[in-house]
Amino acid sequence: MPTLSSLIERAQRSEHGFLDIQQAADEIFSTHSPADCLGIAHQLYQSDVHQARCLAVFILGRLAASTPECLDFLRQQVSRDEDWRVQEILAKAFDRCCADTGYEQSLPVIADWLADPHPNVRRAVSEGLRIWTGRPYFRDHPEAAVQFLSPLHSDESEYVRKSAGNALRDISKKHPALIEAELQRWDLSDKRVLQTYKLAGKFIHKTL
């Protein structure tokens, strides 16, 4: 078993991007029992090194579909991490959980996370599943993706609104009529809504 210090040192060498950190998580997951992986992840997450915490989150994402306590830890603990890079991995970890579970089977969890009071939890979903209509189930049901994302158009968090607006913009590339119909229902007198509208309609309304 690799030592904790060696894992932290390896993760810390990744100054740009997350590929090697993700590969390290995959290696740990494939060579250790779920219990050992969980223990390693919890130890790594105690580190002051953000790359080590990113590694922990990648591991937790691999475990989350089969271990509810990991999904809960991601939601309740990781979402409070102040490092933006850790939040990027949280989004990836949530998507990994949905992929392993099956996106259709994950619909209740997606809805539950999107209703969470913490913006980092909501953003993990909107960002993690991009491009939504490139994912199984949503590829065949783009309207379901829009239904999940649309309520975020007036979210109190600009961070969340931008993610949702960009996700809707992604969908508009293949489903412009669907996004156009949704945008027509929005109240553009609200500045927050207008901001999301401009992002979501970028490829539809060239004159914005």
N, C-alpha and C. Protein backbone atom coordinates (compact mmCIF):
# COMPACT_ATOMS: atom_id res chain seq x y z
N MET A 1 0.85 -1.19 0.00
CA MET A 1 0.00 0.00 0.00
C MET A 1 0.88 1.24 0.00
N PRO A 2 0.62 2.21 -0.89
CA PRO A 2 1.44 3.43 -0.90
C PRO A 2 1.25 4.20 0.40
N THR A 3 2.30 4.87 0.82
CA THR A 3 2.19 5.65 2.04
C THR A 3 1.41 6.93 1.77
N LEU A 4 0.84 7.48 2.82
CA LEU A 4 0.09 8.72 2.68
C LEU A 4 0.98 9.84 2.16
N SER A 5 2.20 9.90 2.66
CA SER A 5 3.11 10.97 2.24
C SER A 5 3.46 10.85 0.77
N SER A 6 3.63 9.61 0.28
CA SER A 6 3.96 9.44 -1.14
C SER A 6 2.78 9.83 -2.03
N LEU A 7 1.57 9.57 -1.59
CA LEU A 7 0.39 9.97 -2.36
C LEU A 7 0.25 11.49 -2.40
N ILE A 8 0.51 12.12 -1.27
CA ILE A 8 0.43 13.58 -1.22
C ILE A 8 1.50 14.20 -2.10
N GLU A 9 2.71 13.63 -2.05
CA GLU A 9 3.81 14.15 -2.88
C GLU A 9 3.48 14.01 -4.36
N ARG A 10 2.91 12.87 -4.75
CA ARG A 10 2.55 12.68 -6.15
C ARG A 10 1.47 13.68 -6.57
N ALA A 11 0.47 13.82 -5.74
CA ALA A 11 -0.62 14.75 -6.07
C ALA A 11 -0.11 16.18 -6.16
N GLN A 12 0.80 16.53 -5.27
CA GLN A 12 1.30 17.90 -5.21
C GLN A 12 2.12 18.28 -6.44
N ARG A 13 2.63 17.29 -7.15
CA ARG A 13 3.39 17.59 -8.36
C ARG A 13 2.49 18.08 -9.50
N SER A 14 1.19 17.86 -9.36
CA SER A 14 0.24 18.31 -10.39
C SER A 14 -0.14 19.76 -10.10
N GLU A 15 0.52 20.65 -10.79
CA GLU A 15 0.27 22.07 -10.58
C GLU A 15 -0.76 22.62 -11.57
N HIS A 16 -0.92 21.95 -12.70
CA HIS A 16 -1.86 22.40 -13.72
C HIS A 16 -2.64 21.19 -14.22
N GLY A 17 -3.95 21.25 -14.08
CA GLY A 17 -4.77 20.14 -14.53
C GLY A 17 -4.87 19.05 -13.47
N PHE A 18 -5.74 18.08 -13.75
CA PHE A 18 -6.05 17.06 -12.76
C PHE A 18 -5.84 15.64 -13.27
N LEU A 19 -5.27 15.48 -14.46
CA LEU A 19 -5.21 14.17 -15.08
C LEU A 19 -4.44 13.16 -14.24
N ASP A 20 -3.24 13.53 -13.77
CA ASP A 20 -2.46 12.56 -13.01
C ASP A 20 -3.10 12.28 -11.67
N ILE A 21 -3.76 13.27 -11.08
CA ILE A 21 -4.46 13.04 -9.81
C ILE A 21 -5.59 12.04 -10.03
N GLN A 22 -6.31 12.19 -11.12
CA GLN A 22 -7.39 11.25 -11.43
C GLN A 22 -6.82 9.85 -11.68
N GLN A 23 -5.70 9.77 -12.38
CA GLN A 23 -5.07 8.48 -12.62
C GLN A 23 -4.63 7.82 -11.32
N ALA A 24 -4.12 8.63 -10.40
CA ALA A 24 -3.71 8.09 -9.10
C ALA A 24 -4.92 7.52 -8.36
N ALA A 25 -6.05 8.23 -8.44
CA ALA A 25 -7.28 7.75 -7.80
C ALA A 25 -7.73 6.43 -8.42
N ASP A 26 -7.64 6.33 -9.75
CA ASP A 26 -8.04 5.11 -10.44
C ASP A 26 -7.14 3.94 -10.03
N GLU A 27 -5.85 4.22 -9.88
CA GLU A 27 -4.91 3.18 -9.47
C GLU A 27 -5.23 2.68 -8.06
N ILE A 28 -5.50 3.61 -7.17
CA ILE A 28 -5.84 3.23 -5.78
C ILE A 28 -7.12 2.41 -5.77
N PHE A 29 -8.12 2.86 -6.54
CA PHE A 29 -9.41 2.18 -6.57
C PHE A 29 -9.29 0.76 -7.11
N SER A 30 -8.41 0.56 -8.08
CA SER A 30 -8.28 -0.75 -8.73
C SER A 30 -7.40 -1.72 -7.96
N THR A 31 -6.64 -1.24 -6.99
CA THR A 31 -5.70 -2.11 -6.28
C THR A 31 -5.98 -2.24 -4.79
N HIS A 32 -7.06 -1.60 -4.33
CA HIS A 32 -7.38 -1.65 -2.90
C HIS A 32 -8.85 -1.99 -2.71
N SER A 33 -9.15 -2.51 -1.56
CA SER A 33 -10.54 -2.80 -1.23
C SER A 33 -11.31 -1.49 -1.03
N PRO A 34 -12.63 -1.53 -1.16
CA PRO A 34 -13.41 -0.30 -0.91
C PRO A 34 -13.15 0.28 0.48
N ALA A 35 -13.01 -0.58 1.47
CA ALA A 35 -12.75 -0.10 2.83
C ALA A 35 -11.41 0.62 2.91
N ASP A 36 -10.40 0.04 2.27
CA ASP A 36 -9.08 0.69 2.27
C ASP A 36 -9.13 2.01 1.51
N CYS A 37 -9.85 2.02 0.37
CA CYS A 37 -9.97 3.25 -0.41
C CYS A 37 -10.63 4.35 0.42
N LEU A 38 -11.65 3.97 1.16
CA LEU A 38 -12.34 4.95 2.00
C LEU A 38 -11.41 5.51 3.07
N GLY A 39 -10.64 4.63 3.68
CA GLY A 39 -9.70 5.08 4.70
C GLY A 39 -8.65 6.02 4.13
N ILE A 40 -8.12 5.67 2.95
CA ILE A 40 -7.12 6.51 2.29
C ILE A 40 -7.72 7.88 1.96
N ALA A 41 -8.93 7.87 1.44
CA ALA A 41 -9.58 9.13 1.06
C ALA A 41 -9.77 10.05 2.26
N HIS A 42 -10.22 9.47 3.36
CA HIS A 42 -10.44 10.30 4.56
C HIS A 42 -9.13 10.87 5.08
N GLN A 43 -8.06 10.09 5.01
CA GLN A 43 -6.76 10.61 5.45
C GLN A 43 -6.27 11.73 4.53
N LEU A 44 -6.41 11.50 3.24
CA LEU A 44 -5.97 12.52 2.28
C LEU A 44 -6.75 13.81 2.44
N TYR A 45 -8.02 13.68 2.76
CA TYR A 45 -8.85 14.89 2.84
C TYR A 45 -8.49 15.76 4.04
N GLN A 46 -7.74 15.22 4.98
CA GLN A 46 -7.30 16.03 6.12
C GLN A 46 -6.10 16.90 5.78
N SER A 47 -5.52 16.71 4.61
CA SER A 47 -4.31 17.43 4.23
C SER A 47 -4.59 18.90 3.93
N ASP A 48 -3.59 19.74 4.20
CA ASP A 48 -3.66 21.15 3.82
C ASP A 48 -3.34 21.34 2.34
N VAL A 49 -2.84 20.31 1.68
CA VAL A 49 -2.48 20.38 0.27
C VAL A 49 -3.74 20.17 -0.57
N HIS A 50 -4.10 21.16 -1.37
CA HIS A 50 -5.37 21.05 -2.08
C HIS A 50 -5.37 19.89 -3.07
N GLN A 51 -4.21 19.58 -3.66
CA GLN A 51 -4.16 18.46 -4.61
C GLN A 51 -4.45 17.13 -3.91
N ALA A 52 -4.03 17.01 -2.65
CA ALA A 52 -4.32 15.79 -1.89
C ALA A 52 -5.81 15.67 -1.63
N ARG A 53 -6.45 16.79 -1.34
CA ARG A 53 -7.90 16.76 -1.13
C ARG A 53 -8.62 16.46 -2.44
N CYS A 54 -8.08 16.96 -3.55
CA CYS A 54 -8.65 16.62 -4.86
C CYS A 54 -8.56 15.12 -5.10
N LEU A 55 -7.43 14.53 -4.76
CA LEU A 55 -7.26 13.09 -4.90
C LEU A 55 -8.29 12.35 -4.05
N ALA A 56 -8.49 12.82 -2.84
CA ALA A 56 -9.49 12.21 -1.96
C ALA A 56 -10.88 12.26 -2.57
N VAL A 57 -11.21 13.39 -3.18
CA VAL A 57 -12.54 13.56 -3.76
C VAL A 57 -12.72 12.66 -4.97
N PHE A 58 -11.68 12.51 -5.78
CA PHE A 58 -11.75 11.57 -6.90
C PHE A 58 -12.04 10.15 -6.39
N ILE A 59 -11.35 9.75 -5.34
CA ILE A 59 -11.56 8.41 -4.77
C ILE A 59 -12.99 8.27 -4.25
N LEU A 60 -13.46 9.28 -3.54
CA LEU A 60 -14.82 9.24 -3.00
C LEU A 60 -15.85 9.16 -4.11
N GLY A 61 -15.56 9.83 -5.23
CA GLY A 61 -16.45 9.76 -6.37
C GLY A 61 -16.55 8.35 -6.93
N ARG A 62 -15.44 7.62 -6.90
CA ARG A 62 -15.44 6.23 -7.39
C ARG A 62 -16.24 5.33 -6.46
N LEU A 63 -16.30 5.70 -5.19
CA LEU A 63 -17.00 4.88 -4.18
C LEU A 63 -18.47 5.26 -4.01
N ALA A 64 -18.83 6.46 -4.44
CA ALA A 64 -20.12 7.04 -4.04
C ALA A 64 -21.33 6.25 -4.50
N ALA A 65 -21.26 5.61 -5.66
CA ALA A 65 -22.43 4.88 -6.17
C ALA A 65 -22.78 3.68 -5.30
N SER A 66 -21.78 3.10 -4.67
CA SER A 66 -22.01 1.90 -3.87
C SER A 66 -21.94 2.15 -2.37
N THR A 67 -21.49 3.35 -1.99
CA THR A 67 -21.31 3.66 -0.56
C THR A 67 -21.98 4.99 -0.24
N PRO A 68 -23.21 4.96 0.25
CA PRO A 68 -23.95 6.20 0.52
C PRO A 68 -23.20 7.20 1.41
N GLU A 69 -22.40 6.69 2.33
CA GLU A 69 -21.70 7.62 3.23
C GLU A 69 -20.70 8.48 2.45
N CYS A 70 -20.18 7.95 1.33
CA CYS A 70 -19.26 8.74 0.51
C CYS A 70 -20.00 9.86 -0.20
N LEU A 71 -21.17 9.55 -0.74
CA LEU A 71 -21.96 10.58 -1.40
C LEU A 71 -22.36 11.65 -0.40
N ASP A 72 -22.69 11.24 0.81
CA ASP A 72 -23.07 12.20 1.85
C ASP A 72 -21.87 13.06 2.25
N PHE A 73 -20.68 12.46 2.33
CA PHE A 73 -19.48 13.22 2.67
C PHE A 73 -19.20 14.27 1.60
N LEU A 74 -19.36 13.89 0.34
CA LEU A 74 -19.16 14.84 -0.75
C LEU A 74 -20.11 16.01 -0.60
N ARG A 75 -21.35 15.71 -0.28
CA ARG A 75 -22.37 16.76 -0.19
C ARG A 75 -22.20 17.64 1.04
N GLN A 76 -21.95 17.02 2.17
CA GLN A 76 -21.95 17.77 3.42
C GLN A 76 -20.59 18.37 3.77
N GLN A 77 -19.51 17.71 3.39
CA GLN A 77 -18.18 18.17 3.78
C GLN A 77 -17.40 18.80 2.62
N VAL A 78 -17.29 18.08 1.53
CA VAL A 78 -16.47 18.58 0.42
C VAL A 78 -17.06 19.86 -0.16
N SER A 79 -18.36 19.98 -0.19
CA SER A 79 -18.98 21.18 -0.75
C SER A 79 -18.62 22.44 0.05
N ARG A 80 -18.14 22.27 1.26
CA ARG A 80 -17.74 23.42 2.11
C ARG A 80 -16.27 23.76 1.95
N ASP A 81 -15.54 22.99 1.17
CA ASP A 81 -14.11 23.27 0.97
C ASP A 81 -13.95 24.60 0.25
N GLU A 82 -13.06 25.43 0.73
CA GLU A 82 -12.91 26.78 0.19
C GLU A 82 -12.05 26.86 -1.06
N ASP A 83 -11.42 25.77 -1.45
CA ASP A 83 -10.57 25.79 -2.64
C ASP A 83 -11.39 25.48 -3.88
N TRP A 84 -11.34 26.36 -4.87
CA TRP A 84 -12.16 26.20 -6.07
C TRP A 84 -11.80 24.94 -6.85
N ARG A 85 -10.54 24.52 -6.74
CA ARG A 85 -10.12 23.32 -7.48
C ARG A 85 -10.77 22.07 -6.89
N VAL A 86 -10.94 22.07 -5.59
CA VAL A 86 -11.64 20.96 -4.95
C VAL A 86 -13.10 20.93 -5.42
N GLN A 87 -13.68 22.11 -5.60
CA GLN A 87 -15.07 22.17 -6.08
C GLN A 87 -15.18 21.66 -7.52
N GLU A 88 -14.16 21.87 -8.31
CA GLU A 88 -14.16 21.32 -9.67
C GLU A 88 -14.18 19.78 -9.63
N ILE A 89 -13.43 19.22 -8.71
CA ILE A 89 -13.39 17.76 -8.60
C ILE A 89 -14.68 17.24 -7.98
N LEU A 90 -15.31 18.01 -7.11
CA LEU A 90 -16.61 17.62 -6.59
C LEU A 90 -17.60 17.42 -7.73
N ALA A 91 -17.60 18.32 -8.69
CA ALA A 91 -18.49 18.20 -9.85
C ALA A 91 -18.18 16.92 -10.61
N LYS A 92 -16.90 16.63 -10.81
CA LYS A 92 -16.52 15.41 -11.52
C LYS A 92 -16.92 14.17 -10.72
N ALA A 93 -16.78 14.24 -9.41
CA ALA A 93 -17.12 13.10 -8.56
C ALA A 93 -18.62 12.83 -8.60
N PHE A 94 -19.42 13.89 -8.62
CA PHE A 94 -20.86 13.69 -8.69
C PHE A 94 -21.24 13.04 -10.01
N ASP A 95 -20.64 13.50 -11.09
CA ASP A 95 -20.92 12.90 -12.39
C ASP A 95 -20.49 11.44 -12.42
N ARG A 96 -19.36 11.14 -11.81
CA ARG A 96 -18.90 9.75 -11.76
C ARG A 96 -19.91 8.87 -11.03
N CYS A 97 -20.44 9.38 -9.93
CA CYS A 97 -21.45 8.64 -9.17
C CYS A 97 -22.68 8.37 -10.04
N CYS A 98 -23.13 9.39 -10.78
CA CYS A 98 -24.30 9.23 -11.65
C CYS A 98 -24.01 8.24 -12.77
N ALA A 99 -22.82 8.30 -13.33
CA ALA A 99 -22.46 7.38 -14.41
C ALA A 99 -22.44 5.94 -13.91
N ASP A 100 -21.88 5.73 -12.72
CA ASP A 100 -21.80 4.38 -12.17
C ASP A 100 -23.17 3.86 -11.76
N THR A 101 -24.02 4.75 -11.29
CA THR A 101 -25.37 4.37 -10.88
C THR A 101 -26.28 4.19 -12.07
N GLY A 102 -26.04 5.02 -13.11
CA GLY A 102 -26.95 5.12 -14.25
C GLY A 102 -27.67 6.45 -14.14
N TYR A 103 -27.63 7.23 -15.21
CA TYR A 103 -28.19 8.58 -15.12
C TYR A 103 -29.69 8.57 -14.87
N GLU A 104 -30.40 7.65 -15.49
CA GLU A 104 -31.85 7.60 -15.24
C GLU A 104 -32.14 7.22 -13.79
N GLN A 105 -31.38 6.26 -13.28
CA GLN A 105 -31.56 5.85 -11.89
C GLN A 105 -31.14 6.95 -10.91
N SER A 106 -30.31 7.88 -11.39
CA SER A 106 -29.81 8.96 -10.54
C SER A 106 -30.71 10.18 -10.51
N LEU A 107 -31.80 10.17 -11.25
CA LEU A 107 -32.66 11.35 -11.33
C LEU A 107 -33.11 11.86 -9.95
N PRO A 108 -33.50 11.00 -9.02
CA PRO A 108 -33.88 11.52 -7.70
C PRO A 108 -32.73 12.20 -6.96
N VAL A 109 -31.52 11.65 -7.10
CA VAL A 109 -30.36 12.26 -6.44
C VAL A 109 -30.01 13.59 -7.10
N ILE A 110 -30.11 13.66 -8.42
CA ILE A 110 -29.86 14.91 -9.13
C ILE A 110 -30.84 15.99 -8.65
N ALA A 111 -32.11 15.63 -8.55
CA ALA A 111 -33.12 16.59 -8.10
C ALA A 111 -32.85 17.03 -6.66
N ASP A 112 -32.45 16.09 -5.83
CA ASP A 112 -32.20 16.38 -4.42
C ASP A 112 -31.01 17.33 -4.26
N TRP A 113 -29.94 17.07 -4.98
CA TRP A 113 -28.76 17.94 -4.90
C TRP A 113 -29.07 19.33 -5.46
N LEU A 114 -29.85 19.40 -6.50
CA LEU A 114 -30.19 20.71 -7.07
C LEU A 114 -31.05 21.55 -6.14
N ALA A 115 -31.70 20.90 -5.19
CA ALA A 115 -32.53 21.61 -4.22
C ALA A 115 -31.78 21.94 -2.93
N ASP A 116 -30.50 21.59 -2.89
CA ASP A 116 -29.72 21.82 -1.68
C ASP A 116 -29.51 23.32 -1.45
N PRO A 117 -29.53 23.77 -0.19
CA PRO A 117 -29.34 25.20 0.08
C PRO A 117 -27.93 25.72 -0.18
N HIS A 118 -26.95 24.83 -0.29
CA HIS A 118 -25.57 25.30 -0.50
C HIS A 118 -25.28 25.40 -1.99
N PRO A 119 -24.80 26.56 -2.45
CA PRO A 119 -24.56 26.74 -3.89
C PRO A 119 -23.55 25.78 -4.48
N ASN A 120 -22.56 25.36 -3.70
CA ASN A 120 -21.56 24.44 -4.25
C ASN A 120 -22.16 23.08 -4.58
N VAL A 121 -23.18 22.68 -3.84
CA VAL A 121 -23.85 21.41 -4.12
C VAL A 121 -24.65 21.54 -5.42
N ARG A 122 -25.39 22.62 -5.56
CA ARG A 122 -26.18 22.83 -6.78
C ARG A 122 -25.26 22.94 -7.99
N ARG A 123 -24.18 23.65 -7.85
CA ARG A 123 -23.26 23.85 -8.96
C ARG A 123 -22.54 22.56 -9.33
N ALA A 124 -22.30 21.69 -8.36
CA ALA A 124 -21.66 20.42 -8.67
C ALA A 124 -22.48 19.62 -9.67
N VAL A 125 -23.80 19.74 -9.59
CA VAL A 125 -24.67 19.03 -10.52
C VAL A 125 -24.69 19.70 -11.88
N SER A 126 -24.95 21.00 -11.90
CA SER A 126 -25.07 21.70 -13.18
C SER A 126 -23.77 21.65 -13.96
N GLU A 127 -22.65 21.71 -13.25
CA GLU A 127 -21.34 21.70 -13.91
C GLU A 127 -20.87 20.27 -14.19
N GLY A 128 -21.12 19.38 -13.25
CA GLY A 128 -20.61 18.02 -13.37
C GLY A 128 -21.19 17.25 -14.53
N LEU A 129 -22.46 17.49 -14.84
CA LEU A 129 -23.12 16.73 -15.90
C LEU A 129 -22.96 17.34 -17.28
N ARG A 130 -22.23 18.45 -17.40
CA ARG A 130 -21.99 19.03 -18.72
C ARG A 130 -21.08 18.11 -19.54
N ILE A 131 -21.34 17.93 -20.80
CA ILE A 131 -22.49 18.46 -21.52
C ILE A 131 -23.66 17.52 -21.26
N TRP A 132 -24.73 18.03 -20.69
CA TRP A 132 -25.83 17.19 -20.21
C TRP A 132 -26.35 16.26 -21.30
N THR A 133 -26.58 16.79 -22.47
CA THR A 133 -27.16 15.96 -23.53
C THR A 133 -26.13 15.07 -24.21
N GLY A 134 -24.92 15.04 -23.70
CA GLY A 134 -23.94 14.05 -24.11
C GLY A 134 -23.95 12.84 -23.19
N ARG A 135 -24.74 12.93 -22.10
CA ARG A 135 -24.83 11.84 -21.12
C ARG A 135 -25.98 10.90 -21.47
N PRO A 136 -25.81 9.60 -21.19
CA PRO A 136 -26.92 8.67 -21.39
C PRO A 136 -28.18 9.17 -20.66
N TYR A 137 -29.30 8.81 -21.15
CA TYR A 137 -30.64 9.25 -20.74
C TYR A 137 -30.91 10.66 -21.21
N PHE A 138 -30.10 11.63 -20.83
CA PHE A 138 -30.35 13.01 -21.25
C PHE A 138 -30.10 13.19 -22.75
N ARG A 139 -29.30 12.32 -23.33
CA ARG A 139 -29.11 12.38 -24.78
C ARG A 139 -30.44 12.13 -25.48
N ASP A 140 -31.23 11.23 -24.93
CA ASP A 140 -32.54 10.90 -25.51
C ASP A 140 -33.68 11.72 -24.93
N HIS A 141 -33.39 12.39 -23.84
CA HIS A 141 -34.43 13.19 -23.17
C HIS A 141 -33.88 14.59 -22.84
N PRO A 142 -33.55 15.37 -23.85
CA PRO A 142 -32.97 16.69 -23.59
C PRO A 142 -33.90 17.60 -22.80
N GLU A 143 -35.20 17.38 -22.95
CA GLU A 143 -36.16 18.20 -22.20
C GLU A 143 -36.01 18.00 -20.70
N ALA A 144 -35.60 16.80 -20.29
CA ALA A 144 -35.40 16.54 -18.87
C ALA A 144 -34.21 17.35 -18.34
N ALA A 145 -33.16 17.45 -19.14
CA ALA A 145 -32.00 18.26 -18.75
C ALA A 145 -32.41 19.71 -18.58
N VAL A 146 -33.21 20.22 -19.50
CA VAL A 146 -33.66 21.61 -19.43
C VAL A 146 -34.53 21.83 -18.19
N GLN A 147 -35.36 20.86 -17.88
CA GLN A 147 -36.22 20.98 -16.71
C GLN A 147 -35.42 21.03 -15.42
N PHE A 148 -34.31 20.31 -15.38
CA PHE A 148 -33.45 20.36 -14.20
C PHE A 148 -32.71 21.69 -14.10
N LEU A 149 -32.22 22.17 -15.23
CA LEU A 149 -31.37 23.36 -15.22
C LEU A 149 -32.14 24.67 -15.13
N SER A 150 -33.32 24.72 -15.72
CA SER A 150 -34.06 25.97 -15.83
C SER A 150 -34.32 26.67 -14.50
N PRO A 151 -34.69 25.95 -13.42
CA PRO A 151 -34.94 26.65 -12.16
C PRO A 151 -33.73 27.41 -11.61
N LEU A 152 -32.54 27.08 -12.10
CA LEU A 152 -31.33 27.76 -11.62
C LEU A 152 -31.13 29.11 -12.31
N HIS A 153 -32.00 29.46 -13.25
CA HIS A 153 -31.78 30.69 -14.01
C HIS A 153 -31.89 31.94 -13.15
N SER A 154 -32.58 31.84 -12.00
CA SER A 154 -32.68 32.98 -11.09
C SER A 154 -32.03 32.67 -9.74
N ASP A 155 -31.14 31.70 -9.73
CA ASP A 155 -30.47 31.30 -8.49
C ASP A 155 -29.80 32.50 -7.82
N GLU A 156 -29.81 32.50 -6.51
CA GLU A 156 -29.21 33.63 -5.77
C GLU A 156 -27.70 33.68 -5.94
N SER A 157 -27.10 32.57 -6.35
CA SER A 157 -25.65 32.51 -6.53
C SER A 157 -25.28 32.75 -7.99
N GLU A 158 -24.46 33.76 -8.25
CA GLU A 158 -23.99 34.01 -9.60
C GLU A 158 -23.17 32.83 -10.12
N TYR A 159 -22.45 32.21 -9.23
CA TYR A 159 -21.64 31.02 -9.54
C TYR A 159 -22.52 29.92 -10.13
N VAL A 160 -23.67 29.72 -9.54
CA VAL A 160 -24.59 28.69 -10.02
C VAL A 160 -25.27 29.13 -11.31
N ARG A 161 -25.68 30.40 -11.38
CA ARG A 161 -26.36 30.90 -12.58
C ARG A 161 -25.46 30.77 -13.80
N LYS A 162 -24.19 31.09 -13.65
CA LYS A 162 -23.27 31.00 -14.79
C LYS A 162 -23.12 29.56 -15.25
N SER A 163 -23.02 28.65 -14.30
CA SER A 163 -22.90 27.25 -14.66
C SER A 163 -24.15 26.77 -15.40
N ALA A 164 -25.31 27.13 -14.88
CA ALA A 164 -26.56 26.72 -15.51
C ALA A 164 -26.72 27.35 -16.89
N GLY A 165 -26.38 28.63 -17.00
CA GLY A 165 -26.48 29.31 -18.29
C GLY A 165 -25.58 28.68 -19.33
N ASN A 166 -24.37 28.35 -18.92
CA ASN A 166 -23.43 27.71 -19.85
C ASN A 166 -23.90 26.30 -20.23
N ALA A 167 -24.49 25.59 -19.28
CA ALA A 167 -25.00 24.25 -19.57
C ALA A 167 -26.16 24.31 -20.56
N LEU A 168 -27.03 25.28 -20.39
CA LEU A 168 -28.14 25.45 -21.33
C LEU A 168 -27.62 25.87 -22.71
N ARG A 169 -26.59 26.70 -22.72
CA ARG A 169 -25.97 27.09 -23.98
C ARG A 169 -25.42 25.87 -24.71
N ASP A 170 -24.79 24.97 -23.97
CA ASP A 170 -24.28 23.73 -24.57
C ASP A 170 -25.41 22.96 -25.25
N ILE A 171 -26.52 22.86 -24.57
CA ILE A 171 -27.67 22.10 -25.10
C ILE A 171 -28.22 22.77 -26.35
N SER A 172 -28.14 24.10 -26.40
CA SER A 172 -28.71 24.83 -27.53
C SER A 172 -28.03 24.52 -28.85
N LYS A 173 -26.81 23.99 -28.81
CA LYS A 173 -26.09 23.67 -30.04
C LYS A 173 -26.85 22.62 -30.86
N LYS A 174 -27.42 21.65 -30.17
CA LYS A 174 -28.16 20.59 -30.86
C LYS A 174 -29.68 20.74 -30.74
N HIS A 175 -30.12 21.51 -29.76
CA HIS A 175 -31.56 21.64 -29.52
C HIS A 175 -31.94 23.12 -29.37
N PRO A 176 -31.68 23.92 -30.39
CA PRO A 176 -31.95 25.36 -30.27
C PRO A 176 -33.41 25.69 -30.01
N ALA A 177 -34.32 24.96 -30.65
CA ALA A 177 -35.75 25.26 -30.47
C ALA A 177 -36.19 25.00 -29.03
N LEU A 178 -35.64 23.97 -28.43
CA LEU A 178 -35.97 23.63 -27.05
C LEU A 178 -35.52 24.74 -26.10
N ILE A 179 -34.31 25.23 -26.30
CA ILE A 179 -33.80 26.29 -25.43
C ILE A 179 -34.52 27.61 -25.70
N GLU A 180 -34.79 27.90 -26.96
CA GLU A 180 -35.51 29.13 -27.31
C GLU A 180 -36.88 29.16 -26.64
N ALA A 181 -37.57 28.04 -26.66
CA ALA A 181 -38.89 27.97 -26.03
C ALA A 181 -38.80 28.19 -24.53
N GLU A 182 -37.75 27.67 -23.93
CA GLU A 182 -37.56 27.86 -22.49
C GLU A 182 -37.23 29.31 -22.17
N LEU A 183 -36.36 29.92 -22.93
CA LEU A 183 -35.95 31.30 -22.67
C LEU A 183 -37.12 32.27 -22.79
N GLN A 184 -38.06 31.97 -23.65
CA GLN A 184 -39.21 32.86 -23.85
C GLN A 184 -40.09 32.94 -22.61
N ARG A 185 -39.92 32.00 -21.69
CA ARG A 185 -40.75 32.00 -20.48
C ARG A 185 -40.13 32.79 -19.34
N TRP A 186 -38.90 33.27 -19.54
CA TRP A 186 -38.21 33.92 -18.44
C TRP A 186 -38.55 35.40 -18.33
N ASP A 187 -38.54 35.90 -17.10
CA ASP A 187 -38.80 37.31 -16.82
C ASP A 187 -37.48 38.07 -16.87
N LEU A 188 -37.26 38.76 -17.96
CA LEU A 188 -35.97 39.42 -18.17
C LEU A 188 -35.85 40.76 -17.44
N SER A 189 -36.89 41.14 -16.71
CA SER A 189 -36.78 42.35 -15.89
C SER A 189 -35.92 42.11 -14.65
N ASP A 190 -35.69 40.85 -14.34
CA ASP A 190 -34.82 40.48 -13.22
C ASP A 190 -33.39 40.41 -13.76
N LYS A 191 -32.49 41.19 -13.17
CA LYS A 191 -31.12 41.25 -13.67
C LYS A 191 -30.41 39.90 -13.58
N ARG A 192 -30.75 39.14 -12.55
CA ARG A 192 -30.12 37.83 -12.43
C ARG A 192 -30.55 36.91 -13.57
N VAL A 193 -31.83 36.96 -13.88
CA VAL A 193 -32.35 36.14 -14.97
C VAL A 193 -31.75 36.58 -16.30
N LEU A 194 -31.63 37.89 -16.49
CA LEU A 194 -31.08 38.41 -17.73
C LEU A 194 -29.65 37.92 -17.95
N GLN A 195 -28.88 37.85 -16.87
CA GLN A 195 -27.50 37.37 -16.98
C GLN A 195 -27.49 35.92 -17.49
N THR A 196 -28.33 35.08 -16.91
CA THR A 196 -28.40 33.68 -17.34
C THR A 196 -28.90 33.59 -18.77
N TYR A 197 -29.86 34.43 -19.10
CA TYR A 197 -30.45 34.46 -20.44
C TYR A 197 -29.38 34.72 -21.50
N LYS A 198 -28.51 35.67 -21.23
CA LYS A 198 -27.47 36.01 -22.19
C LYS A 198 -26.50 34.85 -22.40
N LEU A 199 -26.20 34.15 -21.32
CA LEU A 199 -25.31 32.99 -21.45
C LEU A 199 -26.00 31.85 -22.19
N ALA A 200 -27.23 31.54 -21.79
CA ALA A 200 -27.94 30.41 -22.38
C ALA A 200 -28.27 30.64 -23.85
N GLY A 201 -28.53 31.90 -24.21
CA GLY A 201 -28.95 32.20 -25.58
C GLY A 201 -27.83 32.65 -26.49
N LYS A 202 -26.59 32.48 -26.06
CA LYS A 202 -25.46 33.00 -26.83
C LYS A 202 -25.45 32.53 -28.29
N PHE A 203 -25.75 31.26 -28.52
CA PHE A 203 -25.71 30.70 -29.87
C PHE A 203 -27.03 30.84 -30.60
N ILE A 204 -28.06 31.33 -29.89
CA ILE A 204 -29.38 31.52 -30.49
C ILE A 204 -29.57 32.97 -30.87
N HIS A 205 -29.23 33.85 -29.95
CA HIS A 205 -29.41 35.28 -30.17
C HIS A 205 -28.07 35.94 -30.42
N LYS A 206 -27.65 35.93 -31.62
CA LYS A 206 -26.31 36.43 -31.97
C LYS A 206 -26.15 37.91 -31.70
N THR A 207 -27.26 38.62 -31.55
CA THR A 207 -27.18 40.07 -31.38
C THR A 207 -27.14 40.47 -29.89
N LEU A 208 -27.18 39.49 -28.97
CA LEU A 208 -27.17 39.84 -27.55
C LEU A 208 -25.86 40.53 -27.19
